Amino acid sequence: MSAEKVLAVLSASPKPLRSGEIAELSGLDKKVVEKAMNTLKAEGKIVSPVRCCWEVKK
């Protein structure tokens, strides 16, 4: 469930976001966001165009 929320926040953002920004926008704890991001990264759904920033894979 948290992975879907993280993906939704990233999809809605016009720019790549850091994990702290995703946590703030989603209302989730930063540790939960980082765990969800690891899952999404392993599934190939998000990419990092700039160090420490993430966006949905196009």
C-alpha atoms as a PDB file:
ATOM      1  CA  MET A   1       0.000   0.000   0.000  1.00  0.00           C
ATOM      2  CA  SER A   2       2.768   2.484   0.836  1.00  0.00           C
ATOM      3  CA  ALA A   3       4.522   1.717  -2.467  1.00  0.00           C
ATOM      4  CA  GLU A   4       1.376   2.757  -4.348  1.00  0.00           C
ATOM      5  CA  LYS A   5       1.179   5.972  -2.329  1.00  0.00           C
ATOM      6  CA  VAL A   6       4.838   6.776  -3.056  1.00  0.00           C
ATOM      7  CA  LEU A   7       4.290   6.053  -6.748  1.00  0.00           C
ATOM      8  CA  ALA A   8       1.231   8.339  -6.770  1.00  0.00           C
ATOM      9  CA  VAL A   9       3.191  11.207  -5.175  1.00  0.00           C
ATOM     10  CA  LEU A  10       6.044  10.780  -7.667  1.00  0.00           C
ATOM     11  CA  SER A  11       3.598  10.607 -10.591  1.00  0.00           C
ATOM     12  CA  ALA A  12       1.915  13.840  -9.512  1.00  0.00           C
ATOM     13  CA  SER A  13       5.193  15.743  -9.145  1.00  0.00           C
ATOM     14  CA  PRO A  14       6.533  17.770 -12.081  1.00  0.00           C
ATOM     15  CA  LYS A  15      10.111  17.280 -10.821  1.00  0.00           C
ATOM     16  CA  PRO A  16      12.186  14.501  -9.233  1.00  0.00           C
ATOM     17  CA  LEU A  17      11.780  14.299  -5.439  1.00  0.00           C
ATOM     18  CA  ARG A  18      13.947  13.270  -2.477  1.00  0.00           C
ATOM     19  CA  SER A  19      12.701  10.687   0.007  1.00  0.00           C
ATOM     20  CA  GLY A  20      12.129  13.387   2.639  1.00  0.00           C
ATOM     21  CA  GLU A  21       9.945  15.372   0.254  1.00  0.00           C
ATOM     22  CA  ILE A  22       7.971  12.237  -0.647  1.00  0.00           C
ATOM     23  CA  ALA A  23       7.453  11.509   3.069  1.00  0.00           C
ATOM     24  CA  GLU A  24       6.226  15.053   3.652  1.00  0.00           C
ATOM     25  CA  LEU A  25       3.811  15.004   0.703  1.00  0.00           C
ATOM     26  CA  SER A  26       2.477  11.505   1.366  1.00  0.00           C
ATOM     27  CA  GLY A  27       2.176  11.781   5.135  1.00  0.00           C
ATOM     28  CA  LEU A  28       4.188   8.567   5.572  1.00  0.00           C
ATOM     29  CA  ASP A  29       7.218   8.077   7.805  1.00  0.00           C
ATOM     30  CA  LYS A  30      10.551   8.513   5.979  1.00  0.00           C
ATOM     31  CA  LYS A  31      11.613   4.923   6.822  1.00  0.00           C
ATOM     32  CA  VAL A  32       8.366   3.591   5.290  1.00  0.00           C
ATOM     33  CA  VAL A  33       8.967   5.719   2.183  1.00  0.00           C
ATOM     34  CA  GLU A  34      12.545   4.447   1.820  1.00  0.00           C
ATOM     35  CA  LYS A  35      11.394   0.821   2.116  1.00  0.00           C
ATOM     36  CA  ALA A  36       8.673   1.400  -0.494  1.00  0.00           C
ATOM     37  CA  MET A  37      11.195   3.116  -2.772  1.00  0.00           C
ATOM     38  CA  ASN A  38      13.539   0.123  -2.529  1.00  0.00           C
ATOM     39  CA  THR A  39      10.670  -2.111  -3.653  1.00  0.00           C
ATOM     40  CA  LEU A  40       9.768   0.230  -6.533  1.00  0.00           C
ATOM     41  CA  LYS A  41      13.430   0.513  -7.548  1.00  0.00           C
ATOM     42  CA  ALA A  42      13.784  -3.290  -7.619  1.00  0.00           C
ATOM     43  CA  GLU A  43      10.645  -3.530  -9.769  1.00  0.00           C
ATOM     44  CA  GLY A  44      12.066  -0.919 -12.166  1.00  0.00           C
ATOM     45  CA  LYS A  45       9.185   1.516 -11.633  1.00  0.00           C
ATOM     46  CA  ILE A  46      11.298   4.481 -10.456  1.00  0.00           C
ATOM     47  CA  VAL A  47      14.639   5.873 -11.587  1.00  0.00           C
ATOM     48  CA  SER A  48      17.114   8.426 -10.247  1.00  0.00           C
ATOM     49  CA  PRO A  49      17.931  11.078 -12.871  1.00  0.00           C
ATOM     50  CA  VAL A  50      19.928  13.085 -10.309  1.00  0.00           C
ATOM     51  CA  ARG A  51      21.698  11.798  -7.196  1.00  0.00           C
ATOM     52  CA  CYS A  52      19.238  11.363  -4.288  1.00  0.00           C
ATOM     53  CA  CYS A  53      16.219  12.387  -6.383  1.00  0.00           C
ATOM     54  CA  TRP A  54      13.661   9.999  -7.831  1.00  0.00           C
ATOM     55  CA  GLU A  55      10.955  10.009 -10.500  1.00  0.00           C
ATOM     56  CA  VAL A  56       8.635   7.541 -12.188  1.00  0.00           C
ATOM     57  CA  LYS A  57      10.298   5.625 -15.028  1.00  0.00           C
ATOM     58  CA  LYS A  58       9.001   6.873 -18.365  1.00  0.00           C
END
